[in-house]
Amino acid sequence: MSGGTPAASSSLRTALSYCVRQVRAYDYHHYLCLLHLAPAVRKAAFTFRAFNIETARAMDVVSDPRTGLMRLLWWKEAVDKVFGNKLVEHPVAQALSSVIADHKVSKHWLKRSVEARINDANREEGTIPGTSAELERYAEDTQSTILYMTLQAGGIQSTVADHAASHIGKASGLLLLLKALPHHVNKQGTVHYIPASVAEECGLLITREGGRSEVRAGERLPDAVFKVASVAEAHLHKARELAPSVPKEAIPVLLPALPAQVLLDTLRRCEFNVFDPRLSRGVHGVSPLWYQLKLNWNAWRSRY
């Protein structure tokens, strides 16, 4: 789909422009990271991020959870159609078709990503992850997969880079879930994304009738947030330990470690209180200018 008629080329440009706008509007911290990628892989990276936005927001933009689930199931079918070389009337799907035609990208990662969202949407209301490991798997399925596909699109075949991407995606996913906790507290004051094992350690786990466990947003919630954030920090540390063996061309793909670190540092300044308004200011709690300077400095020094 790289060439084609002028009308097809115009349609593709419109689709790619849509992807870029979506990433800039809903994932600005990663939008700035993608600007440091080589032009040959940038189109693919924006498309993968836009796909992630579509599936991540599916449940948030509807009032009825069943409608959100239907949107996710539609995206699962759309991936099959795109890889079956069938036209799907959605700009992100059209951009995906082009990327798949231009690069060797595994269908497995796209399916794994959307299936993780579907499984999360299918959770019985009030059901929470049992352990941090369960939450880490969700983070990898929804965040690390984006990095895996971007490495693939760039033709970067490196087990070390894949391992680093795994750790960075897990850290990013965990920290973004923590930042979003205020949006996942229901009217009864229970929280969705704190693992039961962590909540129990912090005295936040309660048992309702029927034996169902829930996490209460009590005064020790920052302790639970700290424990989950510590798991994320360990993943960032492991990713950076691998840096000396990561191919230089993979470093720009792994720059999302920087926004994860910025968010972790802001959480620490807020004493892991996810309701602190500083978390929602600027880019992960810091001024956009400072964030861009730090990102540019790391990119220039080939660090993540």
C-alpha atoms as a PDB file:
ATOM      1  CA  MET A   1       0.000   0.000   0.000  1.00  0.00           C
ATOM      2  CA  SER A   2       3.040   2.213  -0.348  1.00  0.00           C
ATOM      3  CA  GLY A   3       2.124   3.302  -3.859  1.00  0.00           C
ATOM      4  CA  GLY A   4      -1.235   3.055  -5.651  1.00  0.00           C
ATOM      5  CA  THR A   5      -3.463   5.701  -7.196  1.00  0.00           C
ATOM      6  CA  PRO A   6      -3.314   9.370  -6.194  1.00  0.00           C
ATOM      7  CA  ALA A   7      -6.640   8.889  -4.388  1.00  0.00           C
ATOM      8  CA  ALA A   8      -5.213   5.936  -2.424  1.00  0.00           C
ATOM      9  CA  SER A   9      -2.079   7.922  -1.565  1.00  0.00           C
ATOM     10  CA  SER A  10      -4.210  10.840  -0.372  1.00  0.00           C
ATOM     11  CA  SER A  11      -6.334   8.485   1.740  1.00  0.00           C
ATOM     12  CA  LEU A  12      -3.212   6.995   3.312  1.00  0.00           C
ATOM     13  CA  ARG A  13      -1.782  10.438   4.097  1.00  0.00           C
ATOM     14  CA  THR A  14      -5.083  11.326   5.781  1.00  0.00           C
ATOM     15  CA  ALA A  15      -4.978   8.106   7.813  1.00  0.00           C
ATOM     16  CA  LEU A  16      -1.403   8.681   8.940  1.00  0.00           C
ATOM     17  CA  SER A  17      -2.170  12.292   9.821  1.00  0.00           C
ATOM     18  CA  TYR A  18      -5.058  11.043  11.958  1.00  0.00           C
ATOM     19  CA  CYS A  19      -2.695   8.672  13.809  1.00  0.00           C
ATOM     20  CA  VAL A  20      -0.228  11.459  14.543  1.00  0.00           C
ATOM     21  CA  ARG A  21      -2.999  13.764  15.802  1.00  0.00           C
ATOM     22  CA  GLN A  22      -4.369  11.051  18.084  1.00  0.00           C
ATOM     23  CA  VAL A  23      -0.970  10.343  19.618  1.00  0.00           C
ATOM     24  CA  ARG A  24      -0.282  14.039  20.113  1.00  0.00           C
ATOM     25  CA  ALA A  25      -3.694  14.574  21.743  1.00  0.00           C
ATOM     26  CA  TYR A  26      -3.865  11.509  23.999  1.00  0.00           C
ATOM     27  CA  ASP A  27      -0.281  10.285  24.435  1.00  0.00           C
ATOM     28  CA  TYR A  28       1.818  13.450  24.305  1.00  0.00           C
ATOM     29  CA  HIS A  29       4.726  12.111  26.362  1.00  0.00           C
ATOM     30  CA  HIS A  30       5.195   9.314  23.821  1.00  0.00           C
ATOM     31  CA  TYR A  31       4.488  11.633  20.884  1.00  0.00           C
ATOM     32  CA  LEU A  32       7.650  13.556  21.746  1.00  0.00           C
ATOM     33  CA  CYS A  33       9.605  10.291  22.030  1.00  0.00           C
ATOM     34  CA  LEU A  34       8.536   9.184  18.548  1.00  0.00           C
ATOM     35  CA  LEU A  35       9.930  12.361  16.976  1.00  0.00           C
ATOM     36  CA  HIS A  36      13.411  10.977  17.728  1.00  0.00           C
ATOM     37  CA  LEU A  37      12.857   7.836  15.650  1.00  0.00           C
ATOM     38  CA  ALA A  38      14.304   7.419  12.178  1.00  0.00           C
ATOM     39  CA  PRO A  39      11.792   8.584   9.521  1.00  0.00           C
ATOM     40  CA  ALA A  40      11.625   5.049   8.082  1.00  0.00           C
ATOM     41  CA  VAL A  41      10.133   3.644  11.292  1.00  0.00           C
ATOM     42  CA  ARG A  42       8.283   6.715  12.577  1.00  0.00           C
ATOM     43  CA  LYS A  43       5.139   6.024  10.514  1.00  0.00           C
ATOM     44  CA  ALA A  44       4.876   2.536  11.992  1.00  0.00           C
ATOM     45  CA  ALA A  45       5.473   3.771  15.541  1.00  0.00           C
ATOM     46  CA  PHE A  46       2.739   6.422  15.306  1.00  0.00           C
ATOM     47  CA  THR A  47       0.363   3.820  13.901  1.00  0.00           C
ATOM     48  CA  PHE A  48       1.040   1.354  16.737  1.00  0.00           C
ATOM     49  CA  ARG A  49       0.552   4.083  19.346  1.00  0.00           C
ATOM     50  CA  ALA A  50      -2.672   5.204  17.684  1.00  0.00           C
ATOM     51  CA  PHE A  51      -3.932   1.608  17.703  1.00  0.00           C
ATOM     52  CA  ASN A  52      -3.134   1.440  21.413  1.00  0.00           C
ATOM     53  CA  ILE A  53      -5.085   4.668  22.009  1.00  0.00           C
ATOM     54  CA  GLU A  54      -8.136   3.309  20.167  1.00  0.00           C
ATOM     55  CA  THR A  55      -8.202   0.140  22.282  1.00  0.00           C
ATOM     56  CA  ALA A  56      -7.219   1.845  25.556  1.00  0.00           C
ATOM     57  CA  ARG A  57     -10.011   4.430  25.249  1.00  0.00           C
ATOM     58  CA  ALA A  58     -12.676   1.991  24.040  1.00  0.00           C
ATOM     59  CA  MET A  59     -14.128   1.567  27.533  1.00  0.00           C
ATOM     60  CA  ASP A  60     -13.649   5.209  28.548  1.00  0.00           C
ATOM     61  CA  VAL A  61     -15.584   6.928  25.771  1.00  0.00           C
ATOM     62  CA  VAL A  62     -18.858   5.033  26.317  1.00  0.00           C
ATOM     63  CA  SER A  63     -21.388   5.028  29.145  1.00  0.00           C
ATOM     64  CA  ASP A  64     -22.335   1.373  28.669  1.00  0.00           C
ATOM     65  CA  PRO A  65     -19.465  -1.109  29.250  1.00  0.00           C
ATOM     66  CA  ARG A  66     -21.073  -3.506  26.759  1.00  0.00           C
ATOM     67  CA  THR A  67     -20.639  -0.916  24.016  1.00  0.00           C
ATOM     68  CA  GLY A  68     -16.964  -0.536  24.934  1.00  0.00           C
ATOM     69  CA  LEU A  69     -16.502  -4.296  24.792  1.00  0.00           C
ATOM     70  CA  MET A  70     -18.126  -4.367  21.358  1.00  0.00           C
ATOM     71  CA  ARG A  71     -15.625  -1.749  20.170  1.00  0.00           C
ATOM     72  CA  LEU A  72     -12.748  -3.915  21.406  1.00  0.00           C
ATOM     73  CA  LEU A  73     -14.157  -7.003  19.701  1.00  0.00           C
ATOM     74  CA  TRP A  74     -14.494  -4.932  16.520  1.00  0.00           C
ATOM     75  CA  TRP A  75     -10.780  -4.081  16.735  1.00  0.00           C
ATOM     76  CA  LYS A  76      -9.887  -7.731  17.238  1.00  0.00           C
ATOM     77  CA  GLU A  77     -11.753  -8.586  14.041  1.00  0.00           C
ATOM     78  CA  ALA A  78     -10.212  -5.578  12.289  1.00  0.00           C
ATOM     79  CA  VAL A  79      -6.697  -6.928  12.955  1.00  0.00           C
ATOM     80  CA  ASP A  80      -7.659 -10.223  11.292  1.00  0.00           C
ATOM     81  CA  LYS A  81      -9.084  -8.352   8.308  1.00  0.00           C
ATOM     82  CA  VAL A  82      -6.017  -6.130   7.956  1.00  0.00           C
ATOM     83  CA  PHE A  83      -3.709  -9.147   7.914  1.00  0.00           C
ATOM     84  CA  GLY A  84      -6.136 -10.792   5.474  1.00  0.00           C
ATOM     85  CA  ASN A  85      -5.567  -7.835   3.147  1.00  0.00           C
ATOM     86  CA  LYS A  86      -9.177  -6.685   3.494  1.00  0.00           C
ATOM     87  CA  LEU A  87     -10.187  -3.026   3.577  1.00  0.00           C
ATOM     88  CA  VAL A  88     -11.317  -1.712   6.975  1.00  0.00           C
ATOM     89  CA  GLU A  89     -12.946   1.719   6.974  1.00  0.00           C
ATOM     90  CA  HIS A  90     -11.027   3.298   9.830  1.00  0.00           C
ATOM     91  CA  PRO A  91      -7.959   5.542   9.517  1.00  0.00           C
ATOM     92  CA  VAL A  92      -5.906   3.580  12.068  1.00  0.00           C
ATOM     93  CA  ALA A  93      -6.756   0.291  10.337  1.00  0.00           C
ATOM     94  CA  GLN A  94      -5.803   1.822   6.981  1.00  0.00           C
ATOM     95  CA  ALA A  95      -2.486   2.993   8.417  1.00  0.00           C
ATOM     96  CA  LEU A  96      -1.923  -0.492   9.867  1.00  0.00           C
ATOM     97  CA  SER A  97      -2.487  -2.035   6.431  1.00  0.00           C
ATOM     98  CA  SER A  98       0.212   0.214   4.991  1.00  0.00           C
ATOM     99  CA  VAL A  99       2.665  -0.509   7.806  1.00  0.00           C
ATOM    100  CA  ILE A 100       2.142  -4.268   7.482  1.00  0.00           C
ATOM    101  CA  ALA A 101       2.717  -4.022   3.728  1.00  0.00           C
ATOM    102  CA  ASP A 102       5.982  -2.116   4.278  1.00  0.00           C
ATOM    103  CA  HIS A 103       7.372  -3.953   7.308  1.00  0.00           C
ATOM    104  CA  LYS A 104       7.481  -7.422   8.786  1.00  0.00           C
ATOM    105  CA  VAL A 105       5.242  -6.987  11.827  1.00  0.00           C
ATOM    106  CA  SER A 106       3.922  -9.863  13.895  1.00  0.00           C
ATOM    107  CA  LYS A 107       0.133 -10.185  14.068  1.00  0.00           C
ATOM    108  CA  HIS A 108       0.647 -11.898  17.436  1.00  0.00           C
ATOM    109  CA  TRP A 109       1.575  -8.660  19.211  1.00  0.00           C
ATOM    110  CA  LEU A 110      -1.447  -6.732  17.945  1.00  0.00           C
ATOM    111  CA  LYS A 111      -3.801  -9.573  18.882  1.00  0.00           C
ATOM    112  CA  ARG A 112      -2.167  -9.978  22.286  1.00  0.00           C
ATOM    113  CA  SER A 113      -2.619  -6.267  22.956  1.00  0.00           C
ATOM    114  CA  VAL A 114      -6.315  -6.080  22.096  1.00  0.00           C
ATOM    115  CA  GLU A 115      -7.073  -9.419  23.789  1.00  0.00           C
ATOM    116  CA  ALA A 116      -5.558  -8.092  27.026  1.00  0.00           C
ATOM    117  CA  ARG A 117      -7.953  -5.124  26.819  1.00  0.00           C
ATOM    118  CA  ILE A 118     -10.877  -7.472  26.134  1.00  0.00           C
ATOM    119  CA  ASN A 119     -10.000  -9.708  29.086  1.00  0.00           C
ATOM    120  CA  ASP A 120      -9.750  -6.646  31.324  1.00  0.00           C
ATOM    121  CA  ALA A 121     -13.126  -5.367  30.085  1.00  0.00           C
ATOM    122  CA  ASN A 122     -14.638  -8.799  30.710  1.00  0.00           C
ATOM    123  CA  ARG A 123     -13.605  -8.784  34.364  1.00  0.00           C
ATOM    124  CA  GLU A 124     -16.541  -9.124  36.670  1.00  0.00           C
ATOM    125  CA  GLU A 125     -17.223  -5.730  38.239  1.00  0.00           C
ATOM    126  CA  GLY A 126     -15.151  -5.378  41.384  1.00  0.00           C
ATOM    127  CA  THR A 127     -12.740  -8.164  40.408  1.00  0.00           C
ATOM    128  CA  ILE A 128      -9.123  -7.146  40.974  1.00  0.00           C
ATOM    129  CA  PRO A 129      -5.727  -8.572  39.952  1.00  0.00           C
ATOM    130  CA  GLY A 130      -4.516 -11.123  42.480  1.00  0.00           C
ATOM    131  CA  THR A 131      -0.804 -10.343  42.351  1.00  0.00           C
ATOM    132  CA  SER A 132       1.671  -7.804  40.988  1.00  0.00           C
ATOM    133  CA  ALA A 133       2.757 -10.431  38.439  1.00  0.00           C
ATOM    134  CA  GLU A 134      -0.760 -10.427  36.987  1.00  0.00           C
ATOM    135  CA  LEU A 135      -0.658  -6.657  36.657  1.00  0.00           C
ATOM    136  CA  GLU A 136       2.817  -6.882  35.073  1.00  0.00           C
ATOM    137  CA  ARG A 137       1.494  -9.267  32.414  1.00  0.00           C
ATOM    138  CA  TYR A 138      -1.243  -6.795  31.564  1.00  0.00           C
ATOM    139  CA  ALA A 139       1.330  -3.990  31.337  1.00  0.00           C
ATOM    140  CA  GLU A 140       3.532  -6.066  29.036  1.00  0.00           C
ATOM    141  CA  ASP A 141       0.609  -7.069  26.827  1.00  0.00           C
ATOM    142  CA  THR A 142      -0.521  -3.467  26.376  1.00  0.00           C
ATOM    143  CA  GLN A 143       2.765  -1.513  26.450  1.00  0.00           C
ATOM    144  CA  SER A 144       5.766  -3.764  25.754  1.00  0.00           C
ATOM    145  CA  THR A 145       4.043  -5.073  22.619  1.00  0.00           C
ATOM    146  CA  ILE A 146       4.177  -1.573  21.104  1.00  0.00           C
ATOM    147  CA  LEU A 147       7.956  -1.527  21.556  1.00  0.00           C
ATOM    148  CA  TYR A 148       8.336  -5.075  20.192  1.00  0.00           C
ATOM    149  CA  MET A 149       6.465  -4.090  17.013  1.00  0.00           C
ATOM    150  CA  THR A 150       8.448  -0.886  16.611  1.00  0.00           C
ATOM    151  CA  LEU A 151      11.707  -2.841  16.876  1.00  0.00           C
ATOM    152  CA  GLN A 152      10.363  -5.264  14.262  1.00  0.00           C
ATOM    153  CA  ALA A 153       9.358  -2.420  11.938  1.00  0.00           C
ATOM    154  CA  GLY A 154      12.865  -1.026  12.248  1.00  0.00           C
ATOM    155  CA  GLY A 155      14.366  -4.381  11.300  1.00  0.00           C
ATOM    156  CA  ILE A 156      16.118  -4.564  14.684  1.00  0.00           C
ATOM    157  CA  GLN A 157      16.645  -8.198  15.657  1.00  0.00           C
ATOM    158  CA  SER A 158      18.155  -8.226  19.121  1.00  0.00           C
ATOM    159  CA  THR A 159      17.193 -10.417  22.059  1.00  0.00           C
ATOM    160  CA  VAL A 160      18.761  -7.864  24.405  1.00  0.00           C
ATOM    161  CA  ALA A 161      16.704  -5.012  22.917  1.00  0.00           C
ATOM    162  CA  ASP A 162      13.574  -7.166  23.245  1.00  0.00           C
ATOM    163  CA  HIS A 163      14.345  -7.831  26.913  1.00  0.00           C
ATOM    164  CA  ALA A 164      14.893  -4.130  27.546  1.00  0.00           C
ATOM    165  CA  ALA A 165      11.617  -3.360  25.745  1.00  0.00           C
ATOM    166  CA  SER A 166       9.831  -5.884  27.943  1.00  0.00           C
ATOM    167  CA  HIS A 167      11.054  -4.215  31.133  1.00  0.00           C
ATOM    168  CA  ILE A 168      10.364  -0.676  29.875  1.00  0.00           C
ATOM    169  CA  GLY A 169       6.847  -1.595  28.767  1.00  0.00           C
ATOM    170  CA  LYS A 170       6.075  -3.222  32.108  1.00  0.00           C
ATOM    171  CA  ALA A 171       7.374  -0.189  34.009  1.00  0.00           C
ATOM    172  CA  SER A 172       5.466   2.234  31.785  1.00  0.00           C
ATOM    173  CA  GLY A 173       2.253   0.230  31.988  1.00  0.00           C
ATOM    174  CA  LEU A 174       2.352  -0.095  35.775  1.00  0.00           C
ATOM    175  CA  LEU A 175       3.055   3.594  36.305  1.00  0.00           C
ATOM    176  CA  LEU A 176       0.350   4.725  33.875  1.00  0.00           C
ATOM    177  CA  LEU A 177      -2.151   2.498  35.693  1.00  0.00           C
ATOM    178  CA  LEU A 178      -1.155   4.136  38.971  1.00  0.00           C
ATOM    179  CA  LYS A 179      -1.553   7.612  37.515  1.00  0.00           C
ATOM    180  CA  ALA A 180      -5.019   6.658  36.270  1.00  0.00           C
ATOM    181  CA  LEU A 181      -6.170   5.230  39.609  1.00  0.00           C
ATOM    182  CA  PRO A 182      -8.346   8.283  40.465  1.00  0.00           C
ATOM    183  CA  HIS A 183     -10.376   7.546  37.322  1.00  0.00           C
ATOM    184  CA  HIS A 184     -10.908   3.938  38.420  1.00  0.00           C
ATOM    185  CA  VAL A 185     -12.264   4.594  41.909  1.00  0.00           C
ATOM    186  CA  ASN A 186     -15.990   3.874  41.974  1.00  0.00           C
ATOM    187  CA  LYS A 187     -18.688   5.547  44.060  1.00  0.00           C
ATOM    188  CA  GLN A 188     -18.104   3.041  46.867  1.00  0.00           C
ATOM    189  CA  GLY A 189     -14.460   4.101  47.114  1.00  0.00           C
ATOM    190  CA  THR A 190     -12.979   0.867  45.788  1.00  0.00           C
ATOM    191  CA  VAL A 191      -9.965   0.751  43.470  1.00  0.00           C
ATOM    192  CA  HIS A 192      -9.503  -1.531  40.461  1.00  0.00           C
ATOM    193  CA  TYR A 193      -5.782  -1.741  39.660  1.00  0.00           C
ATOM    194  CA  ILE A 194      -4.125  -2.448  43.018  1.00  0.00           C
ATOM    195  CA  PRO A 195      -3.294  -6.187  43.311  1.00  0.00           C
ATOM    196  CA  ALA A 196      -5.062  -8.045  46.110  1.00  0.00           C
ATOM    197  CA  SER A 197      -1.745  -9.247  47.574  1.00  0.00           C
ATOM    198  CA  VAL A 198      -0.452  -5.673  47.864  1.00  0.00           C
ATOM    199  CA  ALA A 199      -3.762  -4.373  49.201  1.00  0.00           C
ATOM    200  CA  GLU A 200      -3.779  -7.061  51.874  1.00  0.00           C
ATOM    201  CA  GLU A 201      -0.265  -6.091  53.015  1.00  0.00           C
ATOM    202  CA  CYS A 202      -1.437  -2.481  53.357  1.00  0.00           C
ATOM    203  CA  GLY A 203      -4.706  -3.292  55.110  1.00  0.00           C
ATOM    204  CA  LEU A 204      -6.812  -2.105  52.166  1.00  0.00           C
ATOM    205  CA  LEU A 205      -8.386  -5.422  51.214  1.00  0.00           C
ATOM    206  CA  ILE A 206     -11.966  -5.992  52.261  1.00  0.00           C
ATOM    207  CA  THR A 207     -14.235  -8.976  51.675  1.00  0.00           C
ATOM    208  CA  ARG A 208     -17.829  -8.467  50.617  1.00  0.00           C
ATOM    209  CA  GLU A 209     -20.747 -10.871  50.782  1.00  0.00           C
ATOM    210  CA  GLY A 210     -20.125 -13.907  48.636  1.00  0.00           C
ATOM    211  CA  GLY A 211     -16.397 -13.806  49.342  1.00  0.00           C
ATOM    212  CA  ARG A 212     -15.592 -11.167  46.709  1.00  0.00           C
ATOM    213  CA  SER A 213     -12.505  -9.099  47.539  1.00  0.00           C
ATOM    214  CA  GLU A 214     -12.239  -5.349  46.943  1.00  0.00           C
ATOM    215  CA  VAL A 215      -9.559  -2.732  47.503  1.00  0.00           C
ATOM    216  CA  ARG A 216     -10.608   0.266  49.571  1.00  0.00           C
ATOM    217  CA  ALA A 217      -9.132   3.677  48.716  1.00  0.00           C
ATOM    218  CA  GLY A 218      -8.094   4.284  52.331  1.00  0.00           C
ATOM    219  CA  GLU A 219      -5.392   6.391  53.949  1.00  0.00           C
ATOM    220  CA  ARG A 220      -2.789   3.677  53.278  1.00  0.00           C
ATOM    221  CA  LEU A 221      -3.382   3.742  49.527  1.00  0.00           C
ATOM    222  CA  PRO A 222      -0.052   5.620  49.015  1.00  0.00           C
ATOM    223  CA  ASP A 223       1.703   2.642  50.646  1.00  0.00           C
ATOM    224  CA  ALA A 224       0.141   0.314  48.091  1.00  0.00           C
ATOM    225  CA  VAL A 225       0.998   2.716  45.250  1.00  0.00           C
ATOM    226  CA  PHE A 226       4.591   2.807  46.519  1.00  0.00           C
ATOM    227  CA  LYS A 227       4.826  -0.994  46.384  1.00  0.00           C
ATOM    228  CA  VAL A 228       3.566  -1.174  42.805  1.00  0.00           C
ATOM    229  CA  ALA A 229       5.773   1.761  41.789  1.00  0.00           C
ATOM    230  CA  SER A 230       8.753  -0.059  43.292  1.00  0.00           C
ATOM    231  CA  VAL A 231       8.093  -2.987  40.960  1.00  0.00           C
ATOM    232  CA  ALA A 232       8.068  -0.533  38.040  1.00  0.00           C
ATOM    233  CA  GLU A 233      11.329   1.028  39.243  1.00  0.00           C
ATOM    234  CA  ALA A 234      12.966  -2.404  39.360  1.00  0.00           C
ATOM    235  CA  HIS A 235      11.986  -2.959  35.709  1.00  0.00           C
ATOM    236  CA  LEU A 236      13.509   0.378  34.685  1.00  0.00           C
ATOM    237  CA  HIS A 237      16.700  -0.553  36.520  1.00  0.00           C
ATOM    238  CA  LYS A 238      16.878  -3.935  34.752  1.00  0.00           C
ATOM    239  CA  ALA A 239      16.283  -2.276  31.370  1.00  0.00           C
ATOM    240  CA  ARG A 240      19.149   0.141  31.947  1.00  0.00           C
ATOM    241  CA  GLU A 241      21.471  -2.635  33.086  1.00  0.00           C
ATOM    242  CA  LEU A 242      21.052  -4.062  29.578  1.00  0.00           C
ATOM    243  CA  ALA A 243      21.903  -0.741  27.873  1.00  0.00           C
ATOM    244  CA  PRO A 244      25.600  -1.516  27.142  1.00  0.00           C
ATOM    245  CA  SER A 245      24.524  -4.543  25.061  1.00  0.00           C
ATOM    246  CA  VAL A 246      21.580  -2.908  23.280  1.00  0.00           C
ATOM    247  CA  PRO A 247      22.254  -2.085  19.581  1.00  0.00           C
ATOM    248  CA  LYS A 248      22.623   1.654  19.064  1.00  0.00           C
ATOM    249  CA  GLU A 249      19.808   1.730  16.503  1.00  0.00           C
ATOM    250  CA  ALA A 250      17.404   0.377  19.155  1.00  0.00           C
ATOM    251  CA  ILE A 251      18.030   3.181  21.651  1.00  0.00           C
ATOM    252  CA  PRO A 252      15.490   5.649  20.145  1.00  0.00           C
ATOM    253  CA  VAL A 253      12.795   2.943  20.290  1.00  0.00           C
ATOM    254  CA  LEU A 254      13.487   2.519  24.010  1.00  0.00           C
ATOM    255  CA  LEU A 255      13.209   6.237  24.854  1.00  0.00           C
ATOM    256  CA  PRO A 256       9.793   5.640  26.536  1.00  0.00           C
ATOM    257  CA  ALA A 257      11.868   4.695  29.587  1.00  0.00           C
ATOM    258  CA  LEU A 258      12.323   8.458  30.083  1.00  0.00           C
ATOM    259  CA  PRO A 259       8.626   9.395  30.511  1.00  0.00           C
ATOM    260  CA  ALA A 260       8.251   6.387  32.810  1.00  0.00           C
ATOM    261  CA  GLN A 261      11.100   7.692  34.949  1.00  0.00           C
ATOM    262  CA  VAL A 262       9.631  11.210  34.971  1.00  0.00           C
ATOM    263  CA  LEU A 263       6.278   9.838  36.153  1.00  0.00           C
ATOM    264  CA  LEU A 264       7.981   7.749  38.834  1.00  0.00           C
ATOM    265  CA  ASP A 265       9.903  10.803  40.072  1.00  0.00           C
ATOM    266  CA  THR A 266       6.695  12.848  40.210  1.00  0.00           C
ATOM    267  CA  LEU A 267       4.917  10.119  42.154  1.00  0.00           C
ATOM    268  CA  ARG A 268       7.807  10.161  44.609  1.00  0.00           C
ATOM    269  CA  ARG A 269       7.557  13.956  45.013  1.00  0.00           C
ATOM    270  CA  CYS A 270       3.829  13.558  45.653  1.00  0.00           C
ATOM    271  CA  GLU A 271       4.614  10.894  48.271  1.00  0.00           C
ATOM    272  CA  PHE A 272       2.733   8.381  46.090  1.00  0.00           C
ATOM    273  CA  ASN A 273      -0.567  10.175  46.574  1.00  0.00           C
ATOM    274  CA  VAL A 274      -2.270   9.612  43.209  1.00  0.00           C
ATOM    275  CA  PHE A 275      -4.849  12.281  44.032  1.00  0.00           C
ATOM    276  CA  ASP A 276      -2.179  15.004  44.204  1.00  0.00           C
ATOM    277  CA  PRO A 277      -3.036  17.561  41.467  1.00  0.00           C
ATOM    278  CA  ARG A 278       0.652  17.920  40.572  1.00  0.00           C
ATOM    279  CA  LEU A 279       0.447  14.560  38.764  1.00  0.00           C
ATOM    280  CA  SER A 280      -1.851  15.977  36.099  1.00  0.00           C
ATOM    281  CA  ARG A 281       0.141  19.151  35.420  1.00  0.00           C
ATOM    282  CA  GLY A 282       2.315  19.560  32.325  1.00  0.00           C
ATOM    283  CA  VAL A 283       3.848  16.283  31.156  1.00  0.00           C
ATOM    284  CA  HIS A 284       3.645  13.764  33.998  1.00  0.00           C
ATOM    285  CA  GLY A 285       3.890  16.568  36.535  1.00  0.00           C
ATOM    286  CA  VAL A 286       6.772  18.542  34.995  1.00  0.00           C
ATOM    287  CA  SER A 287       6.791  21.487  32.596  1.00  0.00           C
ATOM    288  CA  PRO A 288       6.663  20.530  28.883  1.00  0.00           C
ATOM    289  CA  LEU A 289       9.853  22.512  28.243  1.00  0.00           C
ATOM    290  CA  TRP A 290      11.788  20.706  30.986  1.00  0.00           C
ATOM    291  CA  TYR A 291      10.469  17.363  29.748  1.00  0.00           C
ATOM    292  CA  GLN A 292      11.542  18.071  26.158  1.00  0.00           C
ATOM    293  CA  LEU A 293      14.992  19.239  27.256  1.00  0.00           C
ATOM    294  CA  LYS A 294      15.503  16.073  29.311  1.00  0.00           C
ATOM    295  CA  LEU A 295      14.239  13.900  26.464  1.00  0.00           C
ATOM    296  CA  ASN A 296      16.459  15.646  23.911  1.00  0.00           C
ATOM    297  CA  TRP A 297      19.478  15.344  26.214  1.00  0.00           C
ATOM    298  CA  ASN A 298      18.944  11.593  26.628  1.00  0.00           C
ATOM    299  CA  ALA A 299      18.373  11.101  22.897  1.00  0.00           C
ATOM    300  CA  TRP A 300      21.515  13.068  22.045  1.00  0.00           C
ATOM    301  CA  ARG A 301      23.581  10.966  24.452  1.00  0.00           C
ATOM    302  CA  SER A 302      21.959   7.732  23.176  1.00  0.00           C
ATOM    303  CA  ARG A 303      20.525   6.917  26.576  1.00  0.00           C
ATOM    304  CA  TYR A 304      17.105   5.702  27.639  1.00  0.00           C
END
